[in-house]
PDB file of all heavy atoms in Angstrom:
ATOM      1  N   VAL A   1     -38.061 -48.885 -22.052  1.00  0.00           N
ATOM      2  CA  VAL A   1     -38.322 -50.274 -22.413  1.00  0.00           C
ATOM      3  C   VAL A   1     -39.729 -50.668 -22.015  1.00  0.00           C
ATOM      4  O   VAL A   1     -40.067 -50.595 -20.787  1.00  0.00           O
ATOM      5  CB  VAL A   1     -37.294 -51.195 -21.697  1.00  0.00           C
ATOM      6  CG1 VAL A   1     -37.523 -52.654 -22.090  1.00  0.00           C
ATOM      7  CG2 VAL A   1     -35.820 -50.824 -22.007  1.00  0.00           C
ATOM      8  N   PRO A   2     -40.587 -51.046 -22.913  1.00  0.00           N
ATOM      9  CA  PRO A   2     -41.933 -51.449 -22.578  1.00  0.00           C
ATOM     10  C   PRO A   2     -41.906 -52.716 -21.719  1.00  0.00           C
ATOM     11  O   PRO A   2     -40.989 -53.543 -21.776  1.00  0.00           O
ATOM     12  CB  PRO A   2     -42.541 -51.839 -23.933  1.00  0.00           C
ATOM     13  CG  PRO A   2     -41.738 -51.166 -24.967  1.00  0.00           C
ATOM     14  CD  PRO A   2     -40.357 -51.090 -24.390  1.00  0.00           C
ATOM     15  N   GLU A   3     -42.903 -52.892 -20.900  1.00  0.00           N
ATOM     16  CA  GLU A   3     -43.023 -54.047 -20.011  1.00  0.00           C
ATOM     17  C   GLU A   3     -43.092 -55.346 -20.783  1.00  0.00           C
ATOM     18  O   GLU A   3     -42.735 -56.446 -20.248  1.00  0.00           O
ATOM     19  CB  GLU A   3     -44.239 -53.928 -19.079  1.00  0.00           C
ATOM     20  CG  GLU A   3     -44.109 -52.792 -18.092  1.00  0.00           C
ATOM     21  CD  GLU A   3     -45.295 -52.742 -17.133  1.00  0.00           C
ATOM     22  OE1 GLU A   3     -46.216 -53.644 -17.263  1.00  0.00           O
ATOM     23  OE2 GLU A   3     -45.363 -51.845 -16.276  1.00  0.00           O
ATOM     24  N   THR A   4     -43.596 -55.273 -21.983  1.00  0.00           N
ATOM     25  CA  THR A   4     -43.707 -56.509 -22.881  1.00  0.00           C
ATOM     26  C   THR A   4     -42.370 -56.960 -23.476  1.00  0.00           C
ATOM     27  O   THR A   4     -42.327 -58.044 -23.973  1.00  0.00           O
ATOM     28  CB  THR A   4     -44.739 -56.260 -23.961  1.00  0.00           C
ATOM     29  OG1 THR A   4     -44.313 -55.091 -24.714  1.00  0.00           O
ATOM     30  CG2 THR A   4     -46.097 -56.043 -23.484  1.00  0.00           C
ATOM     31  N   THR A   5     -41.376 -56.112 -23.341  1.00  0.00           N
ATOM     32  CA  THR A   5     -40.055 -56.481 -23.948  1.00  0.00           C
ATOM     33  C   THR A   5     -39.235 -57.277 -22.901  1.00  0.00           C
ATOM     34  O   THR A   5     -38.993 -56.895 -21.802  1.00  0.00           O
ATOM     35  CB  THR A   5     -39.241 -55.186 -24.342  1.00  0.00           C
ATOM     36  OG1 THR A   5     -40.049 -54.520 -25.347  1.00  0.00           O
ATOM     37  CG2 THR A   5     -37.898 -55.582 -24.912  1.00  0.00           C
ATOM     38  N   GLU A   6     -38.746 -58.404 -23.296  1.00  0.00           N
ATOM     39  CA  GLU A   6     -37.906 -59.252 -22.487  1.00  0.00           C
ATOM     40  C   GLU A   6     -36.535 -58.577 -22.313  1.00  0.00           C
ATOM     41  O   GLU A   6     -35.982 -58.070 -23.287  1.00  0.00           O
ATOM     42  CB  GLU A   6     -37.771 -60.661 -23.010  1.00  0.00           C
ATOM     43  CG  GLU A   6     -39.053 -61.436 -23.087  1.00  0.00           C
ATOM     44  CD  GLU A   6     -38.892 -62.826 -23.682  1.00  0.00           C
ATOM     45  OE1 GLU A   6     -38.598 -62.886 -24.904  1.00  0.00           O
ATOM     46  OE2 GLU A   6     -38.978 -63.741 -22.975  1.00  0.00           O
ATOM     47  N   VAL A   7     -35.985 -58.679 -21.109  1.00  0.00           N
ATOM     48  CA  VAL A   7     -34.623 -58.123 -20.834  1.00  0.00           C
ATOM     49  C   VAL A   7     -33.819 -59.210 -20.264  1.00  0.00           C
ATOM     50  O   VAL A   7     -34.160 -59.849 -19.260  1.00  0.00           O
ATOM     51  CB  VAL A   7     -34.725 -56.922 -19.935  1.00  0.00           C
ATOM     52  CG1 VAL A   7     -33.263 -56.393 -19.661  1.00  0.00           C
ATOM     53  CG2 VAL A   7     -35.502 -55.800 -20.462  1.00  0.00           C
ATOM     54  N   GLU A   8     -32.577 -59.459 -20.809  1.00  0.00           N
ATOM     55  CA  GLU A   8     -31.713 -60.412 -20.311  1.00  0.00           C
ATOM     56  C   GLU A   8     -30.461 -59.703 -19.972  1.00  0.00           C
ATOM     57  O   GLU A   8     -29.873 -58.917 -20.753  1.00  0.00           O
ATOM     58  CB  GLU A   8     -31.411 -61.531 -21.347  1.00  0.00           C
ATOM     59  CG  GLU A   8     -32.579 -62.422 -21.697  1.00  0.00           C
ATOM     60  CD  GLU A   8     -32.957 -63.395 -20.580  1.00  0.00           C
ATOM     61  OE1 GLU A   8     -32.239 -63.379 -19.581  1.00  0.00           O
ATOM     62  OE2 GLU A   8     -34.004 -64.071 -20.704  1.00  0.00           O
ATOM     63  N   ILE A   9     -29.861 -60.019 -18.766  1.00  0.00           N
ATOM     64  CA  ILE A   9     -28.625 -59.421 -18.353  1.00  0.00           C
ATOM     65  C   ILE A   9     -27.466 -60.424 -18.609  1.00  0.00           C
ATOM     66  O   ILE A   9     -27.582 -61.563 -18.132  1.00  0.00           O
ATOM     67  CB  ILE A   9     -28.609 -59.078 -16.906  1.00  0.00           C
ATOM     68  CG1 ILE A   9     -29.805 -58.127 -16.558  1.00  0.00           C
ATOM     69  CG2 ILE A   9     -27.314 -58.389 -16.423  1.00  0.00           C
ATOM     70  CD1 ILE A   9     -29.814 -56.787 -17.327  1.00  0.00           C
ATOM     71  N   LEU A  10     -26.444 -59.999 -19.355  1.00  0.00           N
ATOM     72  CA  LEU A  10     -25.322 -60.882 -19.601  1.00  0.00           C
ATOM     73  C   LEU A  10     -24.069 -60.433 -18.873  1.00  0.00           C
ATOM     74  O   LEU A  10     -23.915 -59.167 -18.665  1.00  0.00           O
ATOM     75  CB  LEU A  10     -24.986 -60.869 -21.143  1.00  0.00           C
ATOM     76  CG  LEU A  10     -26.141 -61.043 -22.134  1.00  0.00           C
ATOM     77  CD1 LEU A  10     -25.585 -61.163 -23.557  1.00  0.00           C
ATOM     78  CD2 LEU A  10     -26.994 -62.322 -21.834  1.00  0.00           C
ATOM     79  N   SER A  11     -23.210 -61.288 -18.499  1.00  0.00           N
ATOM     80  CA  SER A  11     -21.922 -60.950 -17.909  1.00  0.00           C
ATOM     81  C   SER A  11     -21.159 -60.098 -18.919  1.00  0.00           C
ATOM     82  O   SER A  11     -21.287 -60.255 -20.123  1.00  0.00           O
ATOM     83  CB  SER A  11     -21.175 -62.158 -17.514  1.00  0.00           C
ATOM     84  OG  SER A  11     -20.701 -62.850 -18.626  1.00  0.00           O
ATOM     85  N   GLY A  12     -20.331 -59.202 -18.399  1.00  0.00           N
ATOM     86  CA  GLY A  12     -19.578 -58.346 -19.279  1.00  0.00           C
ATOM     87  C   GLY A  12     -18.702 -59.136 -20.232  1.00  0.00           C
ATOM     88  O   GLY A  12     -18.575 -58.886 -21.462  1.00  0.00           O
ATOM     89  N   GLY A  13     -18.108 -60.225 -19.724  1.00  0.00           N
ATOM     90  CA  GLY A  13     -17.189 -61.068 -20.540  1.00  0.00           C
ATOM     91  C   GLY A  13     -17.942 -61.748 -21.664  1.00  0.00           C
ATOM     92  O   GLY A  13     -17.504 -61.763 -22.765  1.00  0.00           O
ATOM     93  N   LEU A  14     -19.119 -62.280 -21.381  1.00  0.00           N
ATOM     94  CA  LEU A  14     -19.948 -62.947 -22.386  1.00  0.00           C
ATOM     95  C   LEU A  14     -20.393 -61.977 -23.493  1.00  0.00           C
ATOM     96  O   LEU A  14     -20.337 -62.233 -24.603  1.00  0.00           O
ATOM     97  CB  LEU A  14     -21.124 -63.664 -21.736  1.00  0.00           C
ATOM     98  CG  LEU A  14     -22.105 -64.376 -22.679  1.00  0.00           C
ATOM     99  CD1 LEU A  14     -21.412 -65.377 -23.563  1.00  0.00           C
ATOM    100  CD2 LEU A  14     -23.316 -64.960 -21.992  1.00  0.00           C
ATOM    101  N   PHE A  15     -20.855 -60.749 -22.967  1.00  0.00           N
ATOM    102  CA  PHE A  15     -21.310 -59.769 -23.985  1.00  0.00           C
ATOM    103  C   PHE A  15     -20.198 -59.404 -24.922  1.00  0.00           C
ATOM    104  O   PHE A  15     -20.371 -59.326 -26.124  1.00  0.00           O
ATOM    105  CB  PHE A  15     -21.789 -58.488 -23.250  1.00  0.00           C
ATOM    106  CG  PHE A  15     -22.561 -57.585 -24.112  1.00  0.00           C
ATOM    107  CD1 PHE A  15     -23.962 -57.594 -24.203  1.00  0.00           C
ATOM    108  CD2 PHE A  15     -21.940 -56.681 -24.998  1.00  0.00           C
ATOM    109  CE1 PHE A  15     -24.669 -56.816 -25.055  1.00  0.00           C
ATOM    110  CE2 PHE A  15     -22.584 -55.882 -25.860  1.00  0.00           C
ATOM    111  CZ  PHE A  15     -23.980 -55.887 -25.860  1.00  0.00           C
ATOM    112  N   ARG A  16     -18.997 -59.232 -24.378  1.00  0.00           N
ATOM    113  CA  ARG A  16     -17.830 -58.859 -25.244  1.00  0.00           C
ATOM    114  C   ARG A  16     -17.499 -59.963 -26.247  1.00  0.00           C
ATOM    115  O   ARG A  16     -17.110 -59.675 -27.359  1.00  0.00           O
ATOM    116  CB  ARG A  16     -16.623 -58.525 -24.408  1.00  0.00           C
ATOM    117  CG  ARG A  16     -16.769 -57.152 -23.663  1.00  0.00           C
ATOM    118  CD  ARG A  16     -15.447 -56.706 -22.973  1.00  0.00           C
ATOM    119  NE  ARG A  16     -15.239 -57.504 -21.840  1.00  0.00           N
ATOM    120  CZ  ARG A  16     -15.693 -57.275 -20.577  1.00  0.00           C
ATOM    121  NH1 ARG A  16     -16.524 -56.167 -20.435  1.00  0.00           N
ATOM    122  NH2 ARG A  16     -15.389 -58.038 -19.515  1.00  0.00           N
ATOM    123  N   GLU A  17     -17.675 -61.134 -25.830  1.00  0.00           N
ATOM    124  CA  GLU A  17     -17.471 -62.287 -26.782  1.00  0.00           C
ATOM    125  C   GLU A  17     -18.475 -62.301 -27.908  1.00  0.00           C
ATOM    126  O   GLU A  17     -18.137 -62.649 -29.077  1.00  0.00           O
ATOM    127  CB  GLU A  17     -17.621 -63.646 -26.014  1.00  0.00           C
ATOM    128  CG  GLU A  17     -16.417 -64.044 -25.150  1.00  0.00           C
ATOM    129  CD  GLU A  17     -16.612 -65.426 -24.510  1.00  0.00           C
ATOM    130  OE1 GLU A  17     -16.913 -66.339 -25.311  1.00  0.00           O
ATOM    131  OE2 GLU A  17     -16.452 -65.545 -23.293  1.00  0.00           O
ATOM    132  N   LEU A  18     -19.721 -61.917 -27.622  1.00  0.00           N
ATOM    133  CA  LEU A  18     -20.818 -62.002 -28.573  1.00  0.00           C
ATOM    134  C   LEU A  18     -20.783 -60.761 -29.516  1.00  0.00           C
ATOM    135  O   LEU A  18     -21.299 -60.826 -30.618  1.00  0.00           O
ATOM    136  CB  LEU A  18     -22.184 -62.038 -27.890  1.00  0.00           C
ATOM    137  CG  LEU A  18     -22.438 -63.279 -27.033  1.00  0.00           C
ATOM    138  CD1 LEU A  18     -23.737 -63.072 -26.259  1.00  0.00           C
ATOM    139  CD2 LEU A  18     -22.589 -64.471 -27.943  1.00  0.00           C
ATOM    140  N   SER A  19     -20.230 -59.667 -29.038  1.00  0.00           N
ATOM    141  CA  SER A  19     -20.260 -58.427 -29.765  1.00  0.00           C
ATOM    142  C   SER A  19     -19.366 -58.467 -31.070  1.00  0.00           C
ATOM    143  O   SER A  19     -18.356 -59.160 -31.110  1.00  0.00           O
ATOM    144  CB  SER A  19     -19.693 -57.254 -28.858  1.00  0.00           C
ATOM    145  OG  SER A  19     -19.651 -56.061 -29.592  1.00  0.00           O
ATOM    146  N   ASP A  20     -19.859 -57.755 -32.123  1.00  0.00           N
ATOM    147  CA  ASP A  20     -19.109 -57.655 -33.318  1.00  0.00           C
ATOM    148  C   ASP A  20     -18.229 -56.456 -33.385  1.00  0.00           C
ATOM    149  O   ASP A  20     -17.538 -56.190 -34.374  1.00  0.00           O
ATOM    150  CB  ASP A  20     -20.046 -57.645 -34.555  1.00  0.00           C
ATOM    151  CG  ASP A  20     -20.760 -58.978 -34.711  1.00  0.00           C
ATOM    152  OD1 ASP A  20     -20.193 -60.009 -34.532  1.00  0.00           O
ATOM    153  OD2 ASP A  20     -21.998 -58.956 -35.064  1.00  0.00           O
ATOM    154  N   THR A  21     -18.232 -55.694 -32.299  1.00  0.00           N
ATOM    155  CA  THR A  21     -17.468 -54.469 -32.273  1.00  0.00           C
ATOM    156  C   THR A  21     -16.261 -54.534 -31.314  1.00  0.00           C
ATOM    157  O   THR A  21     -16.261 -55.293 -30.397  1.00  0.00           O
ATOM    158  CB  THR A  21     -18.314 -53.239 -31.855  1.00  0.00           C
ATOM    159  OG1 THR A  21     -18.789 -53.445 -30.507  1.00  0.00           O
ATOM    160  CG2 THR A  21     -19.531 -53.078 -32.813  1.00  0.00           C
ATOM    161  N   ILE A  22     -15.248 -53.718 -31.598  1.00  0.00           N
ATOM    162  CA  ILE A  22     -14.019 -53.760 -30.796  1.00  0.00           C
ATOM    163  C   ILE A  22     -14.323 -53.177 -29.394  1.00  0.00           C
ATOM    164  O   ILE A  22     -13.846 -53.684 -28.389  1.00  0.00           O
ATOM    165  CB  ILE A  22     -12.864 -52.955 -31.495  1.00  0.00           C
ATOM    166  CG1 ILE A  22     -12.543 -53.613 -32.756  1.00  0.00           C
ATOM    167  CG2 ILE A  22     -11.680 -52.877 -30.536  1.00  0.00           C
ATOM    168  CD1 ILE A  22     -11.558 -52.809 -33.652  1.00  0.00           C
ATOM    169  N   THR A  23     -15.125 -52.161 -29.288  1.00  0.00           N
ATOM    170  CA  THR A  23     -15.449 -51.530 -28.037  1.00  0.00           C
ATOM    171  C   THR A  23     -17.018 -51.600 -27.855  1.00  0.00           C
ATOM    172  O   THR A  23     -17.717 -50.578 -28.218  1.00  0.00           O
ATOM    173  CB  THR A  23     -14.933 -50.080 -27.949  1.00  0.00           C
ATOM    174  OG1 THR A  23     -15.365 -49.348 -29.084  1.00  0.00           O
ATOM    175  CG2 THR A  23     -13.476 -50.027 -27.953  1.00  0.00           C
ATOM    176  N   PRO A  24     -17.555 -52.627 -27.398  1.00  0.00           N
ATOM    177  CA  PRO A  24     -18.998 -52.850 -27.285  1.00  0.00           C
ATOM    178  C   PRO A  24     -19.651 -51.724 -26.345  1.00  0.00           C
ATOM    179  O   PRO A  24     -19.033 -51.389 -25.351  1.00  0.00           O
ATOM    180  CB  PRO A  24     -19.169 -54.227 -26.686  1.00  0.00           C
ATOM    181  CG  PRO A  24     -17.917 -54.888 -26.947  1.00  0.00           C
ATOM    182  CD  PRO A  24     -16.820 -53.899 -26.945  1.00  0.00           C
ATOM    183  N   GLN A  25     -20.819 -51.317 -26.773  1.00  0.00           N
ATOM    184  CA  GLN A  25     -21.566 -50.343 -25.888  1.00  0.00           C
ATOM    185  C   GLN A  25     -22.412 -51.083 -24.850  1.00  0.00           C
ATOM    186  O   GLN A  25     -22.969 -50.402 -23.981  1.00  0.00           O
ATOM    187  CB  GLN A  25     -22.450 -49.513 -26.785  1.00  0.00           C
ATOM    188  CG  GLN A  25     -21.667 -48.622 -27.813  1.00  0.00           C
ATOM    189  CD  GLN A  25     -22.598 -47.763 -28.599  1.00  0.00           C
ATOM    190  OE1 GLN A  25     -23.785 -47.539 -28.252  1.00  0.00           O
ATOM    191  NE2 GLN A  25     -22.127 -47.288 -29.721  1.00  0.00           N
ATOM    192  N   GLY A  26     -22.452 -52.368 -24.822  1.00  0.00           N
ATOM    193  CA  GLY A  26     -23.165 -53.103 -23.806  1.00  0.00           C
ATOM    194  C   GLY A  26     -24.639 -53.284 -24.043  1.00  0.00           C
ATOM    195  O   GLY A  26     -25.397 -53.755 -23.133  1.00  0.00           O
ATOM    196  N   VAL A  27     -25.148 -52.962 -25.209  1.00  0.00           N
ATOM    197  CA  VAL A  27     -26.575 -53.090 -25.530  1.00  0.00           C
ATOM    198  C   VAL A  27     -26.756 -53.816 -26.848  1.00  0.00           C
ATOM    199  O   VAL A  27     -26.137 -53.481 -27.864  1.00  0.00           O
ATOM    200  CB  VAL A  27     -27.277 -51.718 -25.613  1.00  0.00           C
ATOM    201  CG1 VAL A  27     -28.719 -51.877 -25.963  1.00  0.00           C
ATOM    202  CG2 VAL A  27     -27.033 -50.928 -24.314  1.00  0.00           C
ATOM    203  N   MET A  28     -27.552 -54.853 -26.854  1.00  0.00           N
ATOM    204  CA  MET A  28     -27.852 -55.692 -28.056  1.00  0.00           C
ATOM    205  C   MET A  28     -29.301 -56.049 -28.017  1.00  0.00           C
ATOM    206  O   MET A  28     -29.935 -56.149 -26.933  1.00  0.00           O
ATOM    207  CB  MET A  28     -26.928 -56.911 -28.021  1.00  0.00           C
ATOM    208  CG  MET A  28     -26.805 -57.668 -29.291  1.00  0.00           C
ATOM    209  SD  MET A  28     -25.713 -59.163 -29.107  1.00  0.00           S
ATOM    210  CE  MET A  28     -24.161 -58.354 -28.733  1.00  0.00           C
ATOM    211  N   ALA A  29     -29.927 -56.301 -29.190  1.00  0.00           N
ATOM    212  CA  ALA A  29     -31.329 -56.693 -29.204  1.00  0.00           C
ATOM    213  C   ALA A  29     -31.715 -57.577 -30.315  1.00  0.00           C
ATOM    214  O   ALA A  29     -31.153 -57.498 -31.436  1.00  0.00           O
ATOM    215  CB  ALA A  29     -32.234 -55.404 -29.239  1.00  0.00           C
ATOM    216  N   ALA A  30     -32.655 -58.481 -30.080  1.00  0.00           N
ATOM    217  CA  ALA A  30     -33.295 -59.261 -31.143  1.00  0.00           C
ATOM    218  C   ALA A  30     -34.456 -58.515 -31.581  1.00  0.00           C
ATOM    219  O   ALA A  30     -35.394 -58.198 -30.742  1.00  0.00           O
ATOM    220  CB  ALA A  30     -33.672 -60.640 -30.577  1.00  0.00           C
ATOM    221  N   VAL A  31     -34.554 -58.198 -32.819  1.00  0.00           N
ATOM    222  CA  VAL A  31     -35.519 -57.251 -33.384  1.00  0.00           C
ATOM    223  C   VAL A  31     -36.390 -57.825 -34.496  1.00  0.00           C
ATOM    224  O   VAL A  31     -35.839 -58.586 -35.302  1.00  0.00           O
ATOM    225  CB  VAL A  31     -34.718 -55.987 -33.917  1.00  0.00           C
ATOM    226  CG1 VAL A  31     -35.744 -54.995 -34.494  1.00  0.00           C
ATOM    227  CG2 VAL A  31     -33.968 -55.322 -32.780  1.00  0.00           C
TER     228      VAL A  31
END
């Protein structure tokens, strides 16, 4: 991860709510 890339840590529960997959891998990005 480059230093210029912002990183946000989400709670596991919130990430699972946001994910479109049944078994989230825990990584998402705005690209």
